[in-house]
Amino acid sequence: SGSIFSFSVDWYRQAPGKQRELVATISNGGGTYYARSMKGR
């Protein structure tokens, strides 16, 4: 709803019956990180 240029942003996912897990992160500078099992896709 507002500017998030100075924020880092994650995507998480939660499958039925499982804990929420980190998928990927992008920093305010554009650097990215992927959970090991998420790399490539």
Full PDB file with SEQRES, HELIX, SHEET, SSBOND, CRYST1, ORIGX, SCALE, CONECT and MASTER records, all heavy atoms in Angstrom:
SEQRES   1 A   41  SER GLY SER ILE PHE SER PHE SER VAL ASP TRP TYR ARG          
SEQRES   2 A   41  GLN ALA PRO GLY LYS GLN ARG GLU LEU VAL ALA THR ILE          
SEQRES   3 A   41  SER ASN GLY GLY GLY THR TYR TYR ALA ARG SER MET LYS          
SEQRES   4 A   41  GLY ARG                                                      
HELIX    1 AA1 ARG A   36  MET A   38  5                                   3    
SHEET    1 AA1 3 VAL A   9  ARG A  13  0                                        
SHEET    2 AA1 3 GLU A  21  ILE A  26 -1                                        
SHEET    3 AA1 3 THR A  32  TYR A  34 -1                                        
CRYST1    1.000    1.000    1.000  90.00  90.00  90.00 P 1           1          
ORIGX1      1.000000  0.000000  0.000000        0.00000                         
ORIGX2      0.000000  1.000000  0.000000        0.00000                         
ORIGX3      0.000000  0.000000  1.000000        0.00000                         
SCALE1      1.000000  0.000000  0.000000        0.00000                         
SCALE2      0.000000  1.000000  0.000000        0.00000                         
SCALE3      0.000000  0.000000  1.000000        0.00000                         
ATOM      1  N   SER A   1       0.813  -1.214   0.000  1.00  0.00           N  
ATOM      2  CA  SER A   1       0.000   0.000   0.000  1.00  0.00           C  
ATOM      3  C   SER A   1       0.847   1.264   0.000  1.00  0.00           C  
ATOM      4  O   SER A   1       0.316   2.356  -0.252  1.00  0.00           O  
ATOM      5  CB  SER A   1      -0.930   0.007   1.214  1.00  0.00           C  
ATOM      6  OG  SER A   1      -0.158  -0.027   2.407  1.00  0.00           O  
ATOM      7  N   GLY A   2       2.123   1.112   0.310  1.00  0.00           N  
ATOM      8  CA  GLY A   2       3.017   2.253   0.328  1.00  0.00           C  
ATOM      9  C   GLY A   2       4.393   1.862  -0.160  1.00  0.00           C  
ATOM     10  O   GLY A   2       4.618   0.729  -0.576  1.00  0.00           O  
ATOM     11  N   SER A   3       5.301   2.792  -0.078  1.00  0.00           N  
ATOM     12  CA  SER A   3       6.644   2.532  -0.562  1.00  0.00           C  
ATOM     13  C   SER A   3       7.365   1.505   0.309  1.00  0.00           C  
ATOM     14  O   SER A   3       7.357   1.603   1.528  1.00  0.00           O  
ATOM     15  CB  SER A   3       7.446   3.833  -0.571  1.00  0.00           C  
ATOM     16  OG  SER A   3       8.780   3.582  -0.943  1.00  0.00           O  
ATOM     17  N   ILE A   4       7.968   0.546  -0.356  1.00  0.00           N  
ATOM     18  CA  ILE A   4       8.733  -0.486   0.362  1.00  0.00           C  
ATOM     19  C   ILE A   4      10.157  -0.557  -0.151  1.00  0.00           C  
ATOM     20  O   ILE A   4      10.855  -1.551   0.037  1.00  0.00           O  
ATOM     21  CB  ILE A   4       8.066  -1.877   0.256  1.00  0.00           C  
ATOM     22  CG1 ILE A   4       7.830  -2.275  -1.205  1.00  0.00           C  
ATOM     23  CG2 ILE A   4       6.764  -1.913   1.046  1.00  0.00           C  
ATOM     24  CD1 ILE A   4       7.413  -3.734  -1.378  1.00  0.00           C  
ATOM     25  N   PHE A   5      10.614   0.526  -0.790  1.00  0.00           N  
ATOM     26  CA  PHE A   5      11.935   0.472  -1.426  1.00  0.00           C  
ATOM     27  C   PHE A   5      13.043   0.237  -0.413  1.00  0.00           C  
ATOM     28  O   PHE A   5      14.085  -0.321  -0.746  1.00  0.00           O  
ATOM     29  CB  PHE A   5      12.197   1.754  -2.222  1.00  0.00           C  
ATOM     30  CG  PHE A   5      12.625   2.929  -1.386  1.00  0.00           C  
ATOM     31  CD1 PHE A   5      13.968   3.197  -1.175  1.00  0.00           C  
ATOM     32  CD2 PHE A   5      11.696   3.758  -0.780  1.00  0.00           C  
ATOM     33  CE1 PHE A   5      14.364   4.271  -0.398  1.00  0.00           C  
ATOM     34  CE2 PHE A   5      12.075   4.820  -0.003  1.00  0.00           C  
ATOM     35  CZ  PHE A   5      13.408   5.084   0.196  1.00  0.00           C  
ATOM     36  N   SER A   6      12.818   0.645   0.847  1.00  0.00           N  
ATOM     37  CA  SER A   6      13.856   0.486   1.855  1.00  0.00           C  
ATOM     38  C   SER A   6      13.715  -0.800   2.667  1.00  0.00           C  
ATOM     39  O   SER A   6      14.486  -1.034   3.594  1.00  0.00           O  
ATOM     40  CB  SER A   6      13.838   1.677   2.809  1.00  0.00           C  
ATOM     41  OG  SER A   6      12.622   1.728   3.521  1.00  0.00           O  
ATOM     42  N   PHE A   7      12.743  -1.620   2.299  1.00  0.00           N  
ATOM     43  CA  PHE A   7      12.473  -2.853   3.022  1.00  0.00           C  
ATOM     44  C   PHE A   7      13.009  -4.062   2.276  1.00  0.00           C  
ATOM     45  O   PHE A   7      13.052  -4.084   1.043  1.00  0.00           O  
ATOM     46  CB  PHE A   7      10.963  -3.049   3.210  1.00  0.00           C  
ATOM     47  CG  PHE A   7      10.338  -2.116   4.212  1.00  0.00           C  
ATOM     48  CD1 PHE A   7      10.083  -0.797   3.891  1.00  0.00           C  
ATOM     49  CD2 PHE A   7       9.975  -2.578   5.468  1.00  0.00           C  
ATOM     50  CE1 PHE A   7       9.500   0.069   4.811  1.00  0.00           C  
ATOM     51  CE2 PHE A   7       9.377  -1.734   6.391  1.00  0.00           C  
ATOM     52  CZ  PHE A   7       9.143  -0.409   6.055  1.00  0.00           C  
ATOM     53  N   SER A   8      13.370  -5.067   3.030  1.00  0.00           N  
ATOM     54  CA  SER A   8      13.594  -6.383   2.449  1.00  0.00           C  
ATOM     55  C   SER A   8      12.256  -7.122   2.387  1.00  0.00           C  
ATOM     56  O   SER A   8      11.353  -6.842   3.178  1.00  0.00           O  
ATOM     57  CB  SER A   8      14.583  -7.184   3.291  1.00  0.00           C  
ATOM     58  OG  SER A   8      15.867  -6.613   3.239  1.00  0.00           O  
ATOM     59  N   VAL A   9      12.155  -8.041   1.468  1.00  0.00           N  
ATOM     60  CA  VAL A   9      10.899  -8.755   1.264  1.00  0.00           C  
ATOM     61  C   VAL A   9      11.178 -10.242   1.118  1.00  0.00           C  
ATOM     62  O   VAL A   9      12.076 -10.655   0.379  1.00  0.00           O  
ATOM     63  CB  VAL A   9      10.157  -8.248   0.017  1.00  0.00           C  
ATOM     64  CG1 VAL A   9       8.806  -8.955  -0.112  1.00  0.00           C  
ATOM     65  CG2 VAL A   9       9.962  -6.735   0.076  1.00  0.00           C  
ATOM     66  N   ASP A  10      10.381 -11.025   1.838  1.00  0.00           N  
ATOM     67  CA  ASP A  10      10.462 -12.481   1.743  1.00  0.00           C  
ATOM     68  C   ASP A  10       9.182 -13.024   1.135  1.00  0.00           C  
ATOM     69  O   ASP A  10       8.105 -12.455   1.294  1.00  0.00           O  
ATOM     70  CB  ASP A  10      10.573 -13.128   3.139  1.00  0.00           C  
ATOM     71  CG  ASP A  10      11.652 -12.524   4.006  1.00  0.00           C  
ATOM     72  OD1 ASP A  10      12.766 -12.315   3.502  1.00  0.00           O  
ATOM     73  OD2 ASP A  10      11.373 -12.282   5.190  1.00  0.00           O  
ATOM     74  N   TRP A  11       9.322 -14.168   0.498  1.00  0.00           N  
ATOM     75  CA  TRP A  11       8.187 -15.021   0.200  1.00  0.00           C  
ATOM     76  C   TRP A  11       8.327 -16.275   1.065  1.00  0.00           C  
ATOM     77  O   TRP A  11       9.397 -16.899   1.095  1.00  0.00           O  
ATOM     78  CB  TRP A  11       8.144 -15.432  -1.264  1.00  0.00           C  
ATOM     79  CG  TRP A  11       7.577 -14.396  -2.183  1.00  0.00           C  
ATOM     80  CD1 TRP A  11       8.264 -13.513  -2.954  1.00  0.00           C  
ATOM     81  CD2 TRP A  11       6.184 -14.147  -2.435  1.00  0.00           C  
ATOM     82  NE1 TRP A  11       7.394 -12.731  -3.672  1.00  0.00           N  
ATOM     83  CE2 TRP A  11       6.110 -13.102  -3.377  1.00  0.00           C  
ATOM     84  CE3 TRP A  11       4.987 -14.715  -1.964  1.00  0.00           C  
ATOM     85  CZ2 TRP A  11       4.908 -12.602  -3.848  1.00  0.00           C  
ATOM     86  CZ3 TRP A  11       3.797 -14.218  -2.430  1.00  0.00           C  
ATOM     87  CH2 TRP A  11       3.754 -13.177  -3.366  1.00  0.00           C  
ATOM     88  N   TYR A  12       7.253 -16.601   1.762  1.00  0.00           N  
ATOM     89  CA  TYR A  12       7.167 -17.833   2.536  1.00  0.00           C  
ATOM     90  C   TYR A  12       6.035 -18.676   1.949  1.00  0.00           C  
ATOM     91  O   TYR A  12       5.182 -18.178   1.217  1.00  0.00           O  
ATOM     92  CB  TYR A  12       6.806 -17.538   3.996  1.00  0.00           C  
ATOM     93  CG  TYR A  12       7.943 -17.082   4.863  1.00  0.00           C  
ATOM     94  CD1 TYR A  12       8.394 -15.768   4.835  1.00  0.00           C  
ATOM     95  CD2 TYR A  12       8.560 -17.968   5.760  1.00  0.00           C  
ATOM     96  CE1 TYR A  12       9.435 -15.344   5.655  1.00  0.00           C  
ATOM     97  CE2 TYR A  12       9.589 -17.547   6.584  1.00  0.00           C  
ATOM     98  CZ  TYR A  12      10.019 -16.233   6.524  1.00  0.00           C  
ATOM     99  OH  TYR A  12      11.041 -15.825   7.340  1.00  0.00           O  
ATOM    100  N   ARG A  13       6.024 -19.935   2.322  1.00  0.00           N  
ATOM    101  CA  ARG A  13       4.888 -20.768   1.970  1.00  0.00           C  
ATOM    102  C   ARG A  13       4.580 -21.721   3.119  1.00  0.00           C  
ATOM    103  O   ARG A  13       5.464 -22.065   3.924  1.00  0.00           O  
ATOM    104  CB  ARG A  13       5.147 -21.554   0.687  1.00  0.00           C  
ATOM    105  CG  ARG A  13       6.174 -22.668   0.807  1.00  0.00           C  
ATOM    106  CD  ARG A  13       6.376 -23.347  -0.544  1.00  0.00           C  
ATOM    107  NE  ARG A  13       7.240 -24.513  -0.451  1.00  0.00           N  
ATOM    108  CZ  ARG A  13       7.620 -25.244  -1.491  1.00  0.00           C  
ATOM    109  NH1 ARG A  13       7.206 -24.918  -2.725  1.00  0.00           N  
ATOM    110  NH2 ARG A  13       8.405 -26.282  -1.328  1.00  0.00           N  
ATOM    111  N   GLN A  14       3.319 -22.116   3.174  1.00  0.00           N  
ATOM    112  CA  GLN A  14       2.888 -23.056   4.205  1.00  0.00           C  
ATOM    113  C   GLN A  14       1.961 -24.086   3.578  1.00  0.00           C  
ATOM    114  O   GLN A  14       0.864 -23.747   3.098  1.00  0.00           O  
ATOM    115  CB  GLN A  14       2.184 -22.341   5.354  1.00  0.00           C  
ATOM    116  CG  GLN A  14       1.874 -23.257   6.521  1.00  0.00           C  
ATOM    117  CD  GLN A  14       1.502 -22.480   7.773  1.00  0.00           C  
ATOM    118  OE1 GLN A  14       1.136 -21.310   7.727  1.00  0.00           O  
ATOM    119  NE2 GLN A  14       1.603 -23.138   8.915  1.00  0.00           N  
ATOM    120  N   ALA A  15       2.433 -25.305   3.571  1.00  0.00           N  
ATOM    121  CA  ALA A  15       1.636 -26.412   3.053  1.00  0.00           C  
ATOM    122  C   ALA A  15       0.749 -26.955   4.164  1.00  0.00           C  
ATOM    123  O   ALA A  15       1.053 -26.778   5.357  1.00  0.00           O  
ATOM    124  CB  ALA A  15       2.550 -27.504   2.526  1.00  0.00           C  
ATOM    125  N   PRO A  16      -0.343 -27.627   3.815  1.00  0.00           N  
ATOM    126  CA  PRO A  16      -1.241 -28.180   4.834  1.00  0.00           C  
ATOM    127  C   PRO A  16      -0.501 -29.081   5.812  1.00  0.00           C  
ATOM    128  O   PRO A  16       0.252 -29.983   5.398  1.00  0.00           O  
ATOM    129  CB  PRO A  16      -2.250 -28.972   4.005  1.00  0.00           C  
ATOM    130  CG  PRO A  16      -2.254 -28.318   2.679  1.00  0.00           C  
ATOM    131  CD  PRO A  16      -0.839 -27.870   2.452  1.00  0.00           C  
ATOM    132  N   GLY A  17      -0.676 -28.816   7.090  1.00  0.00           N  
ATOM    133  CA  GLY A  17      -0.064 -29.649   8.120  1.00  0.00           C  
ATOM    134  C   GLY A  17       1.421 -29.428   8.321  1.00  0.00           C  
ATOM    135  O   GLY A  17       2.060 -30.171   9.082  1.00  0.00           O  
ATOM    136  N   LYS A  18       1.990 -28.427   7.664  1.00  0.00           N  
ATOM    137  CA  LYS A  18       3.428 -28.180   7.775  1.00  0.00           C  
ATOM    138  C   LYS A  18       3.692 -26.770   8.279  1.00  0.00           C  
ATOM    139  O   LYS A  18       2.823 -25.906   8.249  1.00  0.00           O  
ATOM    140  CB  LYS A  18       4.113 -28.388   6.424  1.00  0.00           C  
ATOM    141  CG  LYS A  18       4.057 -29.815   5.928  1.00  0.00           C  
ATOM    142  CD  LYS A  18       4.920 -30.003   4.699  1.00  0.00           C  
ATOM    143  CE  LYS A  18       4.924 -31.454   4.252  1.00  0.00           C  
ATOM    144  NZ  LYS A  18       5.783 -31.654   3.055  1.00  0.00           N  
ATOM    145  N   GLN A  19       4.918 -26.575   8.737  1.00  0.00           N  
ATOM    146  CA  GLN A  19       5.318 -25.250   9.192  1.00  0.00           C  
ATOM    147  C   GLN A  19       5.558 -24.316   8.010  1.00  0.00           C  
ATOM    148  O   GLN A  19       5.874 -24.762   6.901  1.00  0.00           O  
ATOM    149  CB  GLN A  19       6.593 -25.352  10.034  1.00  0.00           C  
ATOM    150  CG  GLN A  19       6.392 -25.987  11.399  1.00  0.00           C  
ATOM    151  CD  GLN A  19       7.631 -25.882  12.269  1.00  0.00           C  
ATOM    152  OE1 GLN A  19       8.748 -25.888  11.770  1.00  0.00           O  
ATOM    153  NE2 GLN A  19       7.439 -25.774  13.576  1.00  0.00           N  
ATOM    154  N   ARG A  20       5.412 -23.043   8.284  1.00  0.00           N  
ATOM    155  CA  ARG A  20       5.704 -22.052   7.267  1.00  0.00           C  
ATOM    156  C   ARG A  20       7.212 -22.066   6.989  1.00  0.00           C  
ATOM    157  O   ARG A  20       8.016 -22.130   7.925  1.00  0.00           O  
ATOM    158  CB  ARG A  20       5.263 -20.672   7.739  1.00  0.00           C  
ATOM    159  CG  ARG A  20       5.239 -19.608   6.677  1.00  0.00           C  
ATOM    160  CD  ARG A  20       4.573 -18.337   7.186  1.00  0.00           C  
ATOM    161  NE  ARG A  20       3.163 -18.536   7.488  1.00  0.00           N  
ATOM    162  CZ  ARG A  20       2.320 -17.543   7.762  1.00  0.00           C  
ATOM    163  NH1 ARG A  20       2.755 -16.277   7.769  1.00  0.00           N  
ATOM    164  NH2 ARG A  20       1.062 -17.795   8.043  1.00  0.00           N  
ATOM    165  N   GLU A  21       7.575 -22.027   5.715  1.00  0.00           N  
ATOM    166  CA  GLU A  21       8.990 -22.081   5.357  1.00  0.00           C  
ATOM    167  C   GLU A  21       9.352 -20.949   4.413  1.00  0.00           C  
ATOM    168  O   GLU A  21       8.553 -20.517   3.578  1.00  0.00           O  
ATOM    169  CB  GLU A  21       9.336 -23.428   4.710  1.00  0.00           C  
ATOM    170  CG  GLU A  21       8.638 -23.712   3.406  1.00  0.00           C  
ATOM    171  CD  GLU A  21       9.091 -25.014   2.756  1.00  0.00           C  
ATOM    172  OE1 GLU A  21      10.146 -25.551   3.125  1.00  0.00           O  
ATOM    173  OE2 GLU A  21       8.365 -25.494   1.852  1.00  0.00           O  
ATOM    174  N   LEU A  22      10.590 -20.490   4.545  1.00  0.00           N  
ATOM    175  CA  LEU A  22      11.090 -19.430   3.690  1.00  0.00           C  
ATOM    176  C   LEU A  22      11.359 -19.969   2.295  1.00  0.00           C  
ATOM    177  O   LEU A  22      11.984 -21.023   2.135  1.00  0.00           O  
ATOM    178  CB  LEU A  22      12.374 -18.842   4.280  1.00  0.00           C  
ATOM    179  CG  LEU A  22      13.058 -17.749   3.464  1.00  0.00           C  
ATOM    180  CD1 LEU A  22      12.188 -16.496   3.396  1.00  0.00           C  
ATOM    181  CD2 LEU A  22      14.430 -17.421   4.050  1.00  0.00           C  
ATOM    182  N   VAL A  23      10.895 -19.222   1.297  1.00  0.00           N  
ATOM    183  CA  VAL A  23      11.159 -19.578  -0.093  1.00  0.00           C  
ATOM    184  C   VAL A  23      12.314 -18.737  -0.632  1.00  0.00           C  
ATOM    185  O   VAL A  23      13.301 -19.272  -1.140  1.00  0.00           O  
ATOM    186  CB  VAL A  23       9.913 -19.356  -0.966  1.00  0.00           C  
ATOM    187  CG1 VAL A  23      10.239 -19.624  -2.431  1.00  0.00           C  
ATOM    188  CG2 VAL A  23       8.754 -20.233  -0.488  1.00  0.00           C  
ATOM    189  N   ALA A  24      12.183 -17.423  -0.501  1.00  0.00           N  
ATOM    190  CA  ALA A  24      13.199 -16.531  -1.075  1.00  0.00           C  
ATOM    191  C   ALA A  24      13.117 -15.166  -0.413  1.00  0.00           C  
ATOM    192  O   ALA A  24      12.082 -14.796   0.152  1.00  0.00           O  
ATOM    193  CB  ALA A  24      13.003 -16.385  -2.585  1.00  0.00           C  
ATOM    194  N   THR A  25      14.216 -14.425  -0.502  1.00  0.00           N  
ATOM    195  CA  THR A  25      14.307 -13.072   0.039  1.00  0.00           C  
ATOM    196  C   THR A  25      14.951 -12.168  -0.996  1.00  0.00           C  
ATOM    197  O   THR A  25      15.871 -12.585  -1.713  1.00  0.00           O  
ATOM    198  CB  THR A  25      15.177 -13.058   1.314  1.00  0.00           C  
ATOM    199  OG1 THR A  25      14.577 -13.867   2.308  1.00  0.00           O  
ATOM    200  CG2 THR A  25      15.347 -11.644   1.852  1.00  0.00           C  
ATOM    201  N   ILE A  26      14.473 -10.931  -1.047  1.00  0.00           N  
ATOM    202  CA  ILE A  26      15.136  -9.910  -1.851  1.00  0.00           C  
ATOM    203  C   ILE A  26      15.375  -8.699  -0.958  1.00  0.00           C  
ATOM    204  O   ILE A  26      14.454  -8.232  -0.276  1.00  0.00           O  
ATOM    205  CB  ILE A  26      14.337  -9.559  -3.129  1.00  0.00           C  
ATOM    206  CG1 ILE A  26      15.156  -8.632  -4.026  1.00  0.00           C  
ATOM    207  CG2 ILE A  26      12.965  -8.986  -2.818  1.00  0.00           C  
ATOM    208  CD1 ILE A  26      14.616  -8.541  -5.452  1.00  0.00           C  
ATOM    209  N   SER A  27      16.603  -8.218  -0.950  1.00  0.00           N  
ATOM    210  CA  SER A  27      16.951  -7.087  -0.089  1.00  0.00           C  
ATOM    211  C   SER A  27      16.535  -5.774  -0.729  1.00  0.00           C  
ATOM    212  O   SER A  27      16.135  -5.722  -1.910  1.00  0.00           O  
ATOM    213  CB  SER A  27      18.449  -7.084   0.175  1.00  0.00           C  
ATOM    214  OG  SER A  27      19.141  -6.693  -1.010  1.00  0.00           O  
ATOM    215  N   ASN A  28      16.653  -4.698   0.044  1.00  0.00           N  
ATOM    216  CA  ASN A  28      16.313  -3.387  -0.513  1.00  0.00           C  
ATOM    217  C   ASN A  28      17.278  -3.000  -1.634  1.00  0.00           C  
ATOM    218  O   ASN A  28      16.939  -2.170  -2.492  1.00  0.00           O  
ATOM    219  CB  ASN A  28      16.285  -2.315   0.579  1.00  0.00           C  
ATOM    220  CG  ASN A  28      17.590  -2.222   1.354  1.00  0.00           C  
ATOM    221  OD1 ASN A  28      18.535  -2.972   1.103  1.00  0.00           O  
ATOM    222  ND2 ASN A  28      17.638  -1.321   2.308  1.00  0.00           N  
ATOM    223  N   GLY A  29      18.438  -3.615  -1.658  1.00  0.00           N  
ATOM    224  CA  GLY A  29      19.399  -3.349  -2.731  1.00  0.00           C  
ATOM    225  C   GLY A  29      19.268  -4.280  -3.920  1.00  0.00           C  
ATOM    226  O   GLY A  29      20.002  -4.154  -4.905  1.00  0.00           O  
ATOM    227  N   GLY A  30      18.341  -5.229  -3.826  1.00  0.00           N  
ATOM    228  CA  GLY A  30      18.115  -6.148  -4.937  1.00  0.00           C  
ATOM    229  C   GLY A  30      18.829  -7.480  -4.832  1.00  0.00           C  
ATOM    230  O   GLY A  30      18.672  -8.340  -5.703  1.00  0.00           O  
ATOM    231  N   GLY A  31      19.622  -7.658  -3.775  1.00  0.00           N  
ATOM    232  CA  GLY A  31      20.259  -8.958  -3.587  1.00  0.00           C  
ATOM    233  C   GLY A  31      19.238 -10.015  -3.258  1.00  0.00           C  
ATOM    234  O   GLY A  31      18.224  -9.740  -2.620  1.00  0.00           O  
ATOM    235  N   THR A  32      19.481 -11.224  -3.716  1.00  0.00           N  
ATOM    236  CA  THR A  32      18.511 -12.302  -3.523  1.00  0.00           C  
ATOM    237  C   THR A  32      19.112 -13.483  -2.783  1.00  0.00           C  
ATOM    238  O   THR A  32      20.322 -13.735  -2.841  1.00  0.00           O  
ATOM    239  CB  THR A  32      17.947 -12.796  -4.870  1.00  0.00           C  
ATOM    240  OG1 THR A  32      19.028 -13.256  -5.695  1.00  0.00           O  
ATOM    241  CG2 THR A  32      17.198 -11.685  -5.582  1.00  0.00           C  
ATOM    242  N   TYR A  33      18.229 -14.185  -2.104  1.00  0.00           N  
ATOM    243  CA  TYR A  33      18.593 -15.416  -1.396  1.00  0.00           C  
ATOM    244  C   TYR A  33      17.466 -16.405  -1.608  1.00  0.00           C  
ATOM    245  O   TYR A  33      16.282 -16.048  -1.558  1.00  0.00           O  
ATOM    246  CB  TYR A  33      18.781 -15.150   0.095  1.00  0.00           C  
ATOM    247  CG  TYR A  33      18.796 -16.423   0.909  1.00  0.00           C  
ATOM    248  CD1 TYR A  33      19.964 -17.168   1.037  1.00  0.00           C  
ATOM    249  CD2 TYR A  33      17.637 -16.904   1.517  1.00  0.00           C  
ATOM    250  CE1 TYR A  33      19.973 -18.345   1.763  1.00  0.00           C  
ATOM    251  CE2 TYR A  33      17.638 -18.083   2.243  1.00  0.00           C  
ATOM    252  CZ  TYR A  33      18.815 -18.799   2.366  1.00  0.00           C  
ATOM    253  OH  TYR A  33      18.818 -19.966   3.072  1.00  0.00           O  
ATOM    254  N   TYR A  34      17.843 -17.659  -1.838  1.00  0.00           N  
ATOM    255  CA  TYR A  34      16.851 -18.721  -2.002  1.00  0.00           C  
ATOM    256  C   TYR A  34      17.153 -19.845  -1.028  1.00  0.00           C  
ATOM    257  O   TYR A  34      18.315 -20.231  -0.853  1.00  0.00           O  
ATOM    258  CB  TYR A  34      16.883 -19.269  -3.427  1.00  0.00           C  
ATOM    259  CG  TYR A  34      16.517 -18.236  -4.474  1.00  0.00           C  
ATOM    260  CD1 TYR A  34      17.502 -17.460  -5.069  1.00  0.00           C  
ATOM    261  CD2 TYR A  34      15.187 -18.024  -4.826  1.00  0.00           C  
ATOM    262  CE1 TYR A  34      17.175 -16.498  -6.007  1.00  0.00           C  
ATOM    263  CE2 TYR A  34      14.849 -17.071  -5.767  1.00  0.00           C  
ATOM    264  CZ  TYR A  34      15.848 -16.304  -6.355  1.00  0.00           C  
ATOM    265  OH  TYR A  34      15.522 -15.346  -7.285  1.00  0.00           O  
ATOM    266  N   ALA A  35      16.089 -20.381  -0.458  1.00  0.00           N  
ATOM    267  CA  ALA A  35      16.261 -21.585   0.341  1.00  0.00           C  
ATOM    268  C   ALA A  35      16.830 -22.670  -0.562  1.00  0.00           C  
ATOM    269  O   ALA A  35      16.522 -22.728  -1.761  1.00  0.00           O  
ATOM    270  CB  ALA A  35      14.929 -22.021   0.936  1.00  0.00           C  
ATOM    271  N   ARG A  36      17.652 -23.513   0.017  1.00  0.00           N  
ATOM    272  CA  ARG A  36      18.380 -24.484  -0.797  1.00  0.00           C  
ATOM    273  C   ARG A  36      17.453 -25.305  -1.680  1.00  0.00           C  
ATOM    274  O   ARG A  36      17.734 -25.535  -2.856  1.00  0.00           O  
ATOM    275  CB  ARG A  36      19.187 -25.417   0.108  1.00  0.00           C  
ATOM    276  CG  ARG A  36      20.010 -26.448  -0.632  1.00  0.00           C  
ATOM    277  CD  ARG A  36      20.835 -27.268   0.319  1.00  0.00           C  
ATOM    278  NE  ARG A  36      21.820 -26.451   1.024  1.00  0.00           N  
ATOM    279  CZ  ARG A  36      22.687 -26.945   1.899  1.00  0.00           C  
ATOM    280  NH1 ARG A  36      22.675 -28.234   2.202  1.00  0.00           N  
ATOM    281  NH2 ARG A  36      23.551 -26.155   2.484  1.00  0.00           N  
ATOM    282  N   SER A  37      16.327 -25.739  -1.128  1.00  0.00           N  
ATOM    283  CA  SER A  37      15.420 -26.598  -1.890  1.00  0.00           C  
ATOM    284  C   SER A  37      14.643 -25.837  -2.953  1.00  0.00           C  
ATOM    285  O   SER A  37      13.987 -26.445  -3.799  1.00  0.00           O  
ATOM    286  CB  SER A  37      14.443 -27.297  -0.945  1.00  0.00           C  
ATOM    287  OG  SER A  37      13.651 -26.354  -0.265  1.00  0.00           O  
ATOM    288  N   MET A  38      14.732 -24.508  -2.944  1.00  0.00           N  
ATOM    289  CA  MET A  38      13.973 -23.684  -3.882  1.00  0.00           C  
ATOM    290  C   MET A  38      14.816 -23.186  -5.052  1.00  0.00           C  
ATOM    291  O   MET A  38      14.306 -22.581  -5.989  1.00  0.00           O  
ATOM    292  CB  MET A  38      13.400 -22.461  -3.152  1.00  0.00           C  
ATOM    293  CG  MET A  38      12.690 -22.748  -1.870  1.00  0.00           C  
ATOM    294  SD  MET A  38      11.215 -23.769  -2.086  1.00  0.00           S  
ATOM    295  CE  MET A  38      10.750 -23.983  -0.347  1.00  0.00           C  
ATOM    296  N   LYS A  39      16.107 -23.410  -4.993  1.00  0.00           N  
ATOM    297  CA  LYS A  39      16.980 -22.887  -6.040  1.00  0.00           C  
ATOM    298  C   LYS A  39      16.669 -23.531  -7.372  1.00  0.00           C  
ATOM    299  O   LYS A  39      16.445 -24.734  -7.457  1.00  0.00           O  
ATOM    300  CB  LYS A  39      18.444 -23.127  -5.663  1.00  0.00           C  
ATOM    301  CG  LYS A  39      18.945 -22.223  -4.563  1.00  0.00           C  
ATOM    302  CD  LYS A  39      20.425 -22.439  -4.300  1.00  0.00           C  
ATOM    303  CE  LYS A  39      20.926 -21.493  -3.232  1.00  0.00           C  
ATOM    304  NZ  LYS A  39      22.376 -21.687  -2.951  1.00  0.00           N  
ATOM    305  N   GLY A  40      16.635 -22.696  -8.398  1.00  0.00           N  
ATOM    306  CA  GLY A  40      16.490 -23.197  -9.755  1.00  0.00           C  
ATOM    307  C   GLY A  40      15.107 -23.011 -10.349  1.00  0.00           C  
ATOM    308  O   GLY A  40      14.977 -22.775 -11.548  1.00  0.00           O  
ATOM    309  N   ARG A  41      14.057 -23.119  -9.546  1.00  0.00           N  
ATOM    310  CA  ARG A  41      12.697 -23.013 -10.083  1.00  0.00           C  
ATOM    311  C   ARG A  41      11.978 -21.746  -9.637  1.00  0.00           C  
ATOM    312  O   ARG A  41      10.921 -21.431 -10.174  1.00  0.00           O  
ATOM    313  CB  ARG A  41      11.865 -24.229  -9.651  1.00  0.00           C  
ATOM    314  CG  ARG A  41      12.384 -25.549 -10.186  1.00  0.00           C  
ATOM    315  CD  ARG A  41      11.382 -26.666  -9.902  1.00  0.00           C  
ATOM    316  NE  ARG A  41      11.168 -26.863  -8.469  1.00  0.00           N  
ATOM    317  CZ  ARG A  41       9.990 -26.700  -7.866  1.00  0.00           C  
ATOM    318  NH1 ARG A  41       8.925 -26.315  -8.564  1.00  0.00           N  
ATOM    319  NH2 ARG A  41       9.883 -26.911  -6.559  1.00  0.00           N  
TER     320      ARG A  41                                                      
MASTER        0    0    0    1    3    0    0    6  319    1    0    4          
END                                                                             
